[in-house]
Amino acid sequence: MLSNCGIASSVLGVLSVAAVVLGVFIWSSHRDDDAERTYLTRVMQTAADWTGVLINMNTANIDASLQKLHDGTVGELNTDFDAAVQPYRQVVEKLQSQSAGQIEAVAIETVQHDLDAQPGVARPVITTKLPAFASRTDSVMLVATSVSENVGAKPQTVHWNLRLDVSNVDGKLMISGLGSIR
C-alpha cells in the first residue's frame, strides 16, 4: 500500500520528468531558431557585400570588381556572367564614370500562406528552385542607392532594387540569381 506521501512523491516525480522533457524540447527549438537566424544573417551579409561591389564599380577598379563579382557567383549566373556584364563594362569604360553607393535595406524574402497567422509566429523563408550543386537557396531583397558621376556631366542618382538568390554550395554562400524589382 502506498501512503499519501508516497503518492505525492510519485506525482511530483512524474511532473519533474515531464518538466525536464518539455525543457529539452524548448531548448532544442530555441537552438534551431537561433541557428536559422544566424544563417539568414550570413545570407543577407553575402548579398550586401556582393551588391556593394556592384554599386561602387568605377573605371579605376572595373577589372578587379568584375572579377570579385564573378568569383562570388555560381550556376547560370556564373556561366552567363561575362555576357551579362559586358555591356555594363563598356558603358563604365566609355563614360569614365565614378560611382559611390550604399546599401539602404536588406531583407530575406518570406511568404505567408496563412493570412490569419498570429503575430510573432515564424513564417517560412522563400527558397527558390534549388540548383543541383546547392544544398539551399534563399532569396534576398536589397535596396541601394549610388551616385554616378560621368566626366563632363551632372551626377546622377541610381536606385537599385534587386532580388538576389544566395545558394549554399558546400558551406560557402554564393550568388546564384540576380533580378531587378520594379
C-alpha atoms as a PDB file:
ATOM      1  CA  MET A   1       0.000   0.000   0.000  1.00  0.00           C
ATOM      2  CA  LEU A   2       1.117   3.486  -0.786  1.00  0.00           C
ATOM      3  CA  SER A   3       0.860   6.247   1.733  1.00  0.00           C
ATOM      4  CA  ASN A   4      -0.244   9.785   0.893  1.00  0.00           C
ATOM      5  CA  CYS A   5       3.394  10.883   0.909  1.00  0.00           C
ATOM      6  CA  GLY A   6       4.307   8.073  -1.499  1.00  0.00           C
ATOM      7  CA  ILE A   7       1.561   9.044  -3.929  1.00  0.00           C
ATOM      8  CA  ALA A   8       2.510  12.728  -3.735  1.00  0.00           C
ATOM      9  CA  SER A   9       6.194  11.949  -4.345  1.00  0.00           C
ATOM     10  CA  SER A  10       5.282   9.733  -7.324  1.00  0.00           C
ATOM     11  CA  VAL A  11       3.156  12.507  -8.838  1.00  0.00           C
ATOM     12  CA  LEU A  12       5.940  15.051  -8.260  1.00  0.00           C
ATOM     13  CA  GLY A  13       8.437  12.659  -9.847  1.00  0.00           C
ATOM     14  CA  VAL A  14       6.277  12.294 -12.977  1.00  0.00           C
ATOM     15  CA  LEU A  15       5.792  16.083 -13.134  1.00  0.00           C
ATOM     16  CA  SER A  16       9.553  16.592 -12.795  1.00  0.00           C
ATOM     17  CA  VAL A  17      10.285  14.218 -15.659  1.00  0.00           C
ATOM     18  CA  ALA A  18       7.638  15.932 -17.814  1.00  0.00           C
ATOM     19  CA  ALA A  19       9.148  19.350 -16.986  1.00  0.00           C
ATOM     20  CA  VAL A  20      12.635  18.145 -17.967  1.00  0.00           C
ATOM     21  CA  VAL A  21      11.333  16.735 -21.272  1.00  0.00           C
ATOM     22  CA  LEU A  22       9.454  19.963 -22.010  1.00  0.00           C
ATOM     23  CA  GLY A  23      12.580  21.974 -21.171  1.00  0.00           C
ATOM     24  CA  VAL A  24      14.648  19.896 -23.612  1.00  0.00           C
ATOM     25  CA  PHE A  25      12.093  20.473 -26.392  1.00  0.00           C
ATOM     26  CA  ILE A  26      12.011  24.225 -25.743  1.00  0.00           C
ATOM     27  CA  TRP A  27      15.813  24.447 -25.611  1.00  0.00           C
ATOM     28  CA  SER A  28      16.183  22.413 -28.819  1.00  0.00           C
ATOM     29  CA  SER A  29      13.626  24.578 -30.641  1.00  0.00           C
ATOM     30  CA  HIS A  30      15.341  27.764 -29.445  1.00  0.00           C
ATOM     31  CA  ARG A  31      18.716  26.462 -30.575  1.00  0.00           C
ATOM     32  CA  ASP A  32      17.323  25.595 -34.028  1.00  0.00           C
ATOM     33  CA  ASP A  33      15.701  29.046 -34.360  1.00  0.00           C
ATOM     34  CA  ASP A  34      18.939  30.727 -33.297  1.00  0.00           C
ATOM     35  CA  ALA A  35      20.946  28.722 -35.853  1.00  0.00           C
ATOM     36  CA  GLU A  36      18.440  29.657 -38.589  1.00  0.00           C
ATOM     37  CA  ARG A  37      18.665  33.371 -37.735  1.00  0.00           C
ATOM     38  CA  THR A  38      22.461  33.207 -37.738  1.00  0.00           C
ATOM     39  CA  TYR A  39      22.422  31.516 -41.152  1.00  0.00           C
ATOM     40  CA  LEU A  40      19.974  34.058 -42.611  1.00  0.00           C
ATOM     41  CA  THR A  41      22.165  36.889 -41.287  1.00  0.00           C
ATOM     42  CA  ARG A  42      25.102  35.379 -43.193  1.00  0.00           C
ATOM     43  CA  VAL A  43      22.909  35.135 -46.317  1.00  0.00           C
ATOM     44  CA  MET A  44      21.946  38.816 -46.084  1.00  0.00           C
ATOM     45  CA  GLN A  45      25.583  39.844 -45.473  1.00  0.00           C
ATOM     46  CA  THR A  46      26.703  37.886 -48.543  1.00  0.00           C
ATOM     47  CA  ALA A  47      24.085  39.622 -50.704  1.00  0.00           C
ATOM     48  CA  ALA A  48      25.002  43.042 -49.290  1.00  0.00           C
ATOM     49  CA  ASP A  49      28.738  42.512 -49.834  1.00  0.00           C
ATOM     50  CA  TRP A  50      28.240  41.381 -53.426  1.00  0.00           C
ATOM     51  CA  THR A  51      25.912  44.293 -54.204  1.00  0.00           C
ATOM     52  CA  GLY A  52      28.334  46.727 -52.561  1.00  0.00           C
ATOM     53  CA  VAL A  53      30.957  45.772 -55.126  1.00  0.00           C
ATOM     54  CA  LEU A  54      28.427  46.157 -57.960  1.00  0.00           C
ATOM     55  CA  ILE A  55      27.175  49.615 -56.988  1.00  0.00           C
ATOM     56  CA  ASN A  56      30.653  51.002 -56.270  1.00  0.00           C
ATOM     57  CA  MET A  57      32.223  49.948 -59.577  1.00  0.00           C
ATOM     58  CA  ASN A  58      34.411  52.653 -61.152  1.00  0.00           C
ATOM     59  CA  THR A  59      36.669  52.964 -64.156  1.00  0.00           C
ATOM     60  CA  ALA A  60      39.704  52.571 -61.897  1.00  0.00           C
ATOM     61  CA  ASN A  61      38.535  49.314 -60.300  1.00  0.00           C
ATOM     62  CA  ILE A  62      36.357  47.749 -63.003  1.00  0.00           C
ATOM     63  CA  ASP A  63      38.528  44.690 -63.687  1.00  0.00           C
ATOM     64  CA  ALA A  64      39.002  43.859 -60.014  1.00  0.00           C
ATOM     65  CA  SER A  65      35.312  44.495 -59.296  1.00  0.00           C
ATOM     66  CA  LEU A  66      34.091  42.299 -62.138  1.00  0.00           C
ATOM     67  CA  GLN A  67      36.469  39.523 -61.094  1.00  0.00           C
ATOM     68  CA  LYS A  68      35.282  39.726 -57.490  1.00  0.00           C
ATOM     69  CA  LEU A  69      31.643  39.679 -58.620  1.00  0.00           C
ATOM     70  CA  HIS A  70      32.303  36.723 -60.923  1.00  0.00           C
ATOM     71  CA  ASP A  71      34.107  34.823 -58.164  1.00  0.00           C
ATOM     72  CA  GLY A  72      31.069  35.280 -55.921  1.00  0.00           C
ATOM     73  CA  THR A  73      28.610  33.728 -58.372  1.00  0.00           C
ATOM     74  CA  VAL A  74      27.622  30.181 -59.144  1.00  0.00           C
ATOM     75  CA  GLY A  75      25.319  28.364 -61.557  1.00  0.00           C
ATOM     76  CA  GLU A  76      23.662  30.029 -64.544  1.00  0.00           C
ATOM     77  CA  LEU A  77      24.643  33.489 -63.340  1.00  0.00           C
ATOM     78  CA  ASN A  78      28.277  32.408 -63.256  1.00  0.00           C
ATOM     79  CA  THR A  79      28.045  30.808 -66.696  1.00  0.00           C
ATOM     80  CA  ASP A  80      26.387  33.848 -68.313  1.00  0.00           C
ATOM     81  CA  PHE A  81      28.281  36.410 -66.235  1.00  0.00           C
ATOM     82  CA  ASP A  82      30.641  37.717 -68.927  1.00  0.00           C
ATOM     83  CA  ALA A  83      27.847  38.199 -71.448  1.00  0.00           C
ATOM     84  CA  ALA A  84      25.620  39.855 -68.854  1.00  0.00           C
ATOM     85  CA  VAL A  85      28.176  42.409 -67.656  1.00  0.00           C
ATOM     86  CA  GLN A  86      29.984  43.137 -70.930  1.00  0.00           C
ATOM     87  CA  PRO A  87      27.624  45.988 -71.941  1.00  0.00           C
ATOM     88  CA  TYR A  88      27.853  47.494 -68.455  1.00  0.00           C
ATOM     89  CA  ARG A  89      31.635  47.275 -68.554  1.00  0.00           C
ATOM     90  CA  GLN A  90      31.730  49.060 -71.917  1.00  0.00           C
ATOM     91  CA  VAL A  91      29.497  51.864 -70.651  1.00  0.00           C
ATOM     92  CA  VAL A  92      31.597  52.379 -67.497  1.00  0.00           C
ATOM     93  CA  GLU A  93      34.813  52.464 -69.522  1.00  0.00           C
ATOM     94  CA  LYS A  94      33.381  54.757 -72.201  1.00  0.00           C
ATOM     95  CA  LEU A  95      31.790  57.263 -69.819  1.00  0.00           C
ATOM     96  CA  GLN A  96      34.631  57.032 -67.302  1.00  0.00           C
ATOM     97  CA  SER A  97      32.088  57.098 -64.518  1.00  0.00           C
ATOM     98  CA  GLN A  98      32.851  57.236 -60.832  1.00  0.00           C
ATOM     99  CA  SER A  99      30.198  55.679 -58.616  1.00  0.00           C
ATOM    100  CA  ALA A 100      29.715  55.780 -54.884  1.00  0.00           C
ATOM    101  CA  GLY A 101      26.884  53.769 -53.422  1.00  0.00           C
ATOM    102  CA  GLN A 102      25.441  52.485 -50.217  1.00  0.00           C
ATOM    103  CA  ILE A 103      23.095  49.713 -49.189  1.00  0.00           C
ATOM    104  CA  GLU A 104      19.872  51.049 -47.691  1.00  0.00           C
ATOM    105  CA  ALA A 105      17.931  47.874 -46.859  1.00  0.00           C
ATOM    106  CA  VAL A 106      18.416  44.130 -46.961  1.00  0.00           C
ATOM    107  CA  ALA A 107      15.737  41.561 -46.139  1.00  0.00           C
ATOM    108  CA  ILE A 108      15.056  37.871 -46.519  1.00  0.00           C
ATOM    109  CA  GLU A 109      12.058  37.284 -48.754  1.00  0.00           C
ATOM    110  CA  THR A 110       9.391  35.300 -46.906  1.00  0.00           C
ATOM    111  CA  VAL A 111       5.976  34.062 -47.847  1.00  0.00           C
ATOM    112  CA  GLN A 112       2.860  33.861 -45.732  1.00  0.00           C
ATOM    113  CA  HIS A 113       0.186  31.487 -46.937  1.00  0.00           C
ATOM    114  CA  ASP A 114      -1.939  31.703 -43.800  1.00  0.00           C
ATOM    115  CA  LEU A 115      -3.298  35.238 -43.702  1.00  0.00           C
ATOM    116  CA  ASP A 116      -4.855  34.540 -40.303  1.00  0.00           C
ATOM    117  CA  ALA A 117      -1.498  33.728 -38.713  1.00  0.00           C
ATOM    118  CA  GLN A 118      -0.752  35.225 -35.336  1.00  0.00           C
ATOM    119  CA  PRO A 119       1.930  37.925 -34.887  1.00  0.00           C
ATOM    120  CA  GLY A 120       5.262  36.607 -33.700  1.00  0.00           C
ATOM    121  CA  VAL A 121       4.832  33.238 -35.389  1.00  0.00           C
ATOM    122  CA  ALA A 122       7.678  32.420 -37.768  1.00  0.00           C
ATOM    123  CA  ARG A 123       6.884  32.477 -41.487  1.00  0.00           C
ATOM    124  CA  PRO A 124       8.611  30.149 -43.936  1.00  0.00           C
ATOM    125  CA  VAL A 125      11.515  31.623 -45.881  1.00  0.00           C
ATOM    126  CA  ILE A 126      11.145  31.593 -49.660  1.00  0.00           C
ATOM    127  CA  THR A 127      13.533  29.161 -51.212  1.00  0.00           C
ATOM    128  CA  THR A 128      13.840  29.357 -54.948  1.00  0.00           C
ATOM    129  CA  LYS A 129      14.380  26.494 -57.353  1.00  0.00           C
ATOM    130  CA  LEU A 130      17.294  24.626 -55.850  1.00  0.00           C
ATOM    131  CA  PRO A 131      20.258  24.232 -58.195  1.00  0.00           C
ATOM    132  CA  ALA A 132      21.768  20.750 -58.276  1.00  0.00           C
ATOM    133  CA  PHE A 133      25.021  21.977 -56.731  1.00  0.00           C
ATOM    134  CA  ALA A 134      23.450  23.804 -53.764  1.00  0.00           C
ATOM    135  CA  SER A 135      22.090  22.450 -50.512  1.00  0.00           C
ATOM    136  CA  ARG A 136      19.882  25.513 -50.012  1.00  0.00           C
ATOM    137  CA  THR A 137      18.958  28.735 -51.848  1.00  0.00           C
ATOM    138  CA  ASP A 138      17.340  31.763 -50.192  1.00  0.00           C
ATOM    139  CA  SER A 139      16.002  34.930 -51.799  1.00  0.00           C
ATOM    140  CA  VAL A 140      17.170  38.326 -50.590  1.00  0.00           C
ATOM    141  CA  MET A 141      15.549  41.672 -51.370  1.00  0.00           C
ATOM    142  CA  LEU A 142      18.010  44.561 -51.489  1.00  0.00           C
ATOM    143  CA  VAL A 143      17.602  48.328 -51.901  1.00  0.00           C
ATOM    144  CA  ALA A 144      20.622  50.522 -52.605  1.00  0.00           C
ATOM    145  CA  THR A 145      21.461  53.933 -53.997  1.00  0.00           C
ATOM    146  CA  SER A 146      24.519  55.031 -55.900  1.00  0.00           C
ATOM    147  CA  VAL A 147      25.606  58.369 -57.282  1.00  0.00           C
ATOM    148  CA  SER A 148      27.278  58.102 -60.665  1.00  0.00           C
ATOM    149  CA  GLU A 149      29.446  60.974 -61.846  1.00  0.00           C
ATOM    150  CA  ASN A 150      30.336  60.912 -65.524  1.00  0.00           C
ATOM    151  CA  VAL A 151      33.132  63.044 -66.936  1.00  0.00           C
ATOM    152  CA  GLY A 152      31.652  66.355 -68.053  1.00  0.00           C
ATOM    153  CA  ALA A 153      28.119  65.554 -66.895  1.00  0.00           C
ATOM    154  CA  LYS A 154      25.883  66.209 -63.935  1.00  0.00           C
ATOM    155  CA  PRO A 155      25.884  63.494 -61.199  1.00  0.00           C
ATOM    156  CA  GLN A 156      23.020  61.020 -61.441  1.00  0.00           C
ATOM    157  CA  THR A 157      21.426  59.069 -58.629  1.00  0.00           C
ATOM    158  CA  VAL A 158      20.762  55.433 -59.450  1.00  0.00           C
ATOM    159  CA  HIS A 159      18.281  53.436 -57.350  1.00  0.00           C
ATOM    160  CA  TRP A 160      18.867  49.711 -57.150  1.00  0.00           C
ATOM    161  CA  ASN A 161      16.023  47.349 -56.221  1.00  0.00           C
ATOM    162  CA  LEU A 162      17.423  43.853 -56.518  1.00  0.00           C
ATOM    163  CA  ARG A 163      16.390  40.317 -55.748  1.00  0.00           C
ATOM    164  CA  LEU A 164      19.350  38.018 -55.296  1.00  0.00           C
ATOM    165  CA  ASP A 165      19.332  34.267 -54.857  1.00  0.00           C
ATOM    166  CA  VAL A 166      22.012  33.163 -52.403  1.00  0.00           C
ATOM    167  CA  SER A 167      22.961  29.486 -52.610  1.00  0.00           C
ATOM    168  CA  ASN A 168      24.836  27.411 -50.074  1.00  0.00           C
ATOM    169  CA  VAL A 169      27.454  25.435 -52.005  1.00  0.00           C
ATOM    170  CA  ASP A 170      29.435  23.162 -49.699  1.00  0.00           C
ATOM    171  CA  GLY A 171      29.114  25.666 -46.854  1.00  0.00           C
ATOM    172  CA  LYS A 172      30.084  28.679 -48.966  1.00  0.00           C
ATOM    173  CA  LEU A 173      27.384  31.250 -49.745  1.00  0.00           C
ATOM    174  CA  MET A 174      27.368  32.419 -53.374  1.00  0.00           C
ATOM    175  CA  ILE A 175      25.043  34.452 -55.591  1.00  0.00           C
ATOM    176  CA  SER A 176      23.152  32.190 -57.991  1.00  0.00           C
ATOM    177  CA  GLY A 177      20.492  34.550 -59.269  1.00  0.00           C
ATOM    178  CA  LEU A 178      20.099  38.273 -59.878  1.00  0.00           C
ATOM    179  CA  GLY A 179      16.999  40.180 -60.848  1.00  0.00           C
ATOM    180  CA  SER A 180      15.653  43.693 -60.765  1.00  0.00           C
ATOM    181  CA  ILE A 181      12.478  44.507 -58.835  1.00  0.00           C
ATOM    182  CA  ARG A 182      10.060  47.084 -60.220  1.00  0.00           C
END
